[in-house]
C-alpha atoms as a PDB file:
ATOM      1  CA  MET A   1       7.142  -0.227   9.844  1.00  0.00           C
ATOM      2  CA  VAL A   2       9.862  -2.369   8.393  1.00  0.00           C
ATOM      3  CA  VAL A   3      13.042  -3.041  10.566  1.00  0.00           C
ATOM      4  CA  VAL A   4      15.799  -5.544   9.245  1.00  0.00           C
ATOM      5  CA  LYS A   5      19.067  -5.356  11.192  1.00  0.00           C
ATOM      6  CA  LYS A   6      22.172  -6.372   9.926  1.00  0.00           C
ATOM      7  CA  GLN A   7      23.347 -10.033  11.135  1.00  0.00           C
ATOM      8  CA  LYS A   8      26.831 -10.692  12.187  1.00  0.00           C
ATOM      9  CA  GLY A   9      28.587 -11.372   8.920  1.00  0.00           C
ATOM     10  CA  GLU A  10      25.895 -10.451   6.762  1.00  0.00           C
ATOM     11  CA  SER A  11      26.876  -8.688   3.426  1.00  0.00           C
ATOM     12  CA  GLU A  12      24.996  -5.224   2.991  1.00  0.00           C
ATOM     13  CA  ASP A  13      23.838  -6.805  -0.427  1.00  0.00           C
ATOM     14  CA  LYS A  14      22.181  -9.529   1.518  1.00  0.00           C
ATOM     15  CA  LEU A  15      20.503  -7.224   3.783  1.00  0.00           C
ATOM     16  CA  ILE A  16      19.461  -5.184   1.161  1.00  0.00           C
ATOM     17  CA  ASN A  17      17.705  -8.165  -0.296  1.00  0.00           C
ATOM     18  CA  ARG A  18      15.910  -9.317   2.769  1.00  0.00           C
ATOM     19  CA  PHE A  19      14.783  -5.747   3.228  1.00  0.00           C
ATOM     20  CA  LYS A  20      13.325  -5.777  -0.272  1.00  0.00           C
ATOM     21  CA  LYS A  21      11.487  -9.221   0.110  1.00  0.00           C
ATOM     22  CA  LYS A  22      10.160  -8.060   3.659  1.00  0.00           C
ATOM     23  CA  VAL A  23       8.658  -5.055   2.181  1.00  0.00           C
ATOM     24  CA  LEU A  24       7.230  -6.745  -0.636  1.00  0.00           C
ATOM     25  CA  ASP A  25       5.575  -9.291   1.968  1.00  0.00           C
ATOM     26  CA  GLU A  26       4.193  -6.653   4.058  1.00  0.00           C
ATOM     27  CA  GLY A  27       2.225  -5.180   1.067  1.00  0.00           C
ATOM     28  CA  ILE A  28       3.867  -1.831   1.311  1.00  0.00           C
ATOM     29  CA  VAL A  29       4.745  -1.430  -2.101  1.00  0.00           C
ATOM     30  CA  ILE A  30       1.088  -2.247  -3.375  1.00  0.00           C
ATOM     31  CA  GLU A  31      -0.436  -0.229  -0.704  1.00  0.00           C
ATOM     32  CA  ALA A  32       1.745   2.980  -2.157  1.00  0.00           C
ATOM     33  CA  ARG A  33       0.718   2.289  -5.441  1.00  0.00           C
ATOM     34  CA  GLU A  34      -3.263   2.131  -4.398  1.00  0.00           C
ATOM     35  CA  ARG A  35      -2.997   5.305  -2.265  1.00  0.00           C
ATOM     36  CA  LYS A  36      -0.879   7.186  -5.073  1.00  0.00           C
ATOM     37  CA  GLU A  37      -4.430   8.202  -6.921  1.00  0.00           C
ATOM     38  CA  TYR A  38      -7.932   8.208  -5.066  1.00  0.00           C
ATOM     39  CA  LYS A  39     -10.477   6.060  -6.190  1.00  0.00           C
ATOM     40  CA  PRO A  40     -13.936   6.157  -5.345  1.00  0.00           C
ATOM     41  CA  LYS A  41     -15.670   3.264  -3.137  1.00  0.00           C
ATOM     42  CA  SER A  42     -17.736   2.287  -6.025  1.00  0.00           C
ATOM     43  CA  GLN A  43     -14.567   1.950  -8.130  1.00  0.00           C
ATOM     44  CA  VAL A  44     -12.932  -0.192  -5.569  1.00  0.00           C
ATOM     45  CA  ARG A  45     -15.767  -2.494  -5.335  1.00  0.00           C
ATOM     46  CA  LYS A  46     -16.153  -2.843  -8.904  1.00  0.00           C
ATOM     47  CA  GLU A  47     -12.609  -3.752  -9.355  1.00  0.00           C
ATOM     48  CA  LYS A  48     -12.607  -6.405  -6.405  1.00  0.00           C
ATOM     49  CA  LYS A  49     -16.067  -7.792  -8.301  1.00  0.00           C
ATOM     50  CA  TYR A  50     -13.711  -8.023 -11.311  1.00  0.00           C
ATOM     51  CA  ARG A  51     -10.889  -9.500  -9.745  1.00  0.00           C
ATOM     52  CA  LEU A  52     -12.870 -12.431  -7.949  1.00  0.00           C
ATOM     53  CA  LYS A  53     -14.484 -13.303 -11.366  1.00  0.00           C
ATOM     54  CA  PHE A  54     -11.290 -13.448 -12.852  1.00  0.00           C
ATOM     55  CA  LEU A  55      -9.812 -15.776 -10.223  1.00  0.00           C
ATOM     56  CA  ASP A  56     -13.231 -18.065 -10.548  1.00  0.00           C
ATOM     57  CA  GLU A  57     -12.523 -18.400 -13.714  1.00  0.00           C
ATOM     58  CA  LEU A  58      -8.633 -19.102 -13.625  1.00  0.00           C
ATOM     59  CA  ALA A  59      -9.428 -21.486 -10.980  1.00  0.00           C
ATOM     60  CA  ARG A  60     -12.081 -23.450 -13.467  1.00  0.00           C
ATOM     61  CA  LYS A  61      -9.667 -23.580 -15.788  1.00  0.00           C
ATOM     62  CA  ARG A  62      -7.057 -24.987 -13.639  1.00  0.00           C
ATOM     63  CA  ALA A  63      -9.651 -27.462 -12.490  1.00  0.00           C
ATOM     64  CA  LYS A  64     -10.376 -28.801 -16.202  1.00  0.00           C
ATOM     65  CA  ARG A  65      -6.718 -29.383 -16.989  1.00  0.00           C
ATOM     66  CA  GLY A  66      -5.700 -31.201 -13.896  1.00  0.00           C
END
């Protein structure tokens, strides 16, 4: 649960921006997107495998550059 209280002298726009940032940091939006559609565990494992492979390749490319 995300709770954001208005601080003294804070505009409503700043309050909304703080709320949005906190929601993104908590990962609520991503979790809601993932829960929108059921995925079998095999598909989740497969996606995780490909994501890790992609991140590994990306790290190797960055290491070569710098």
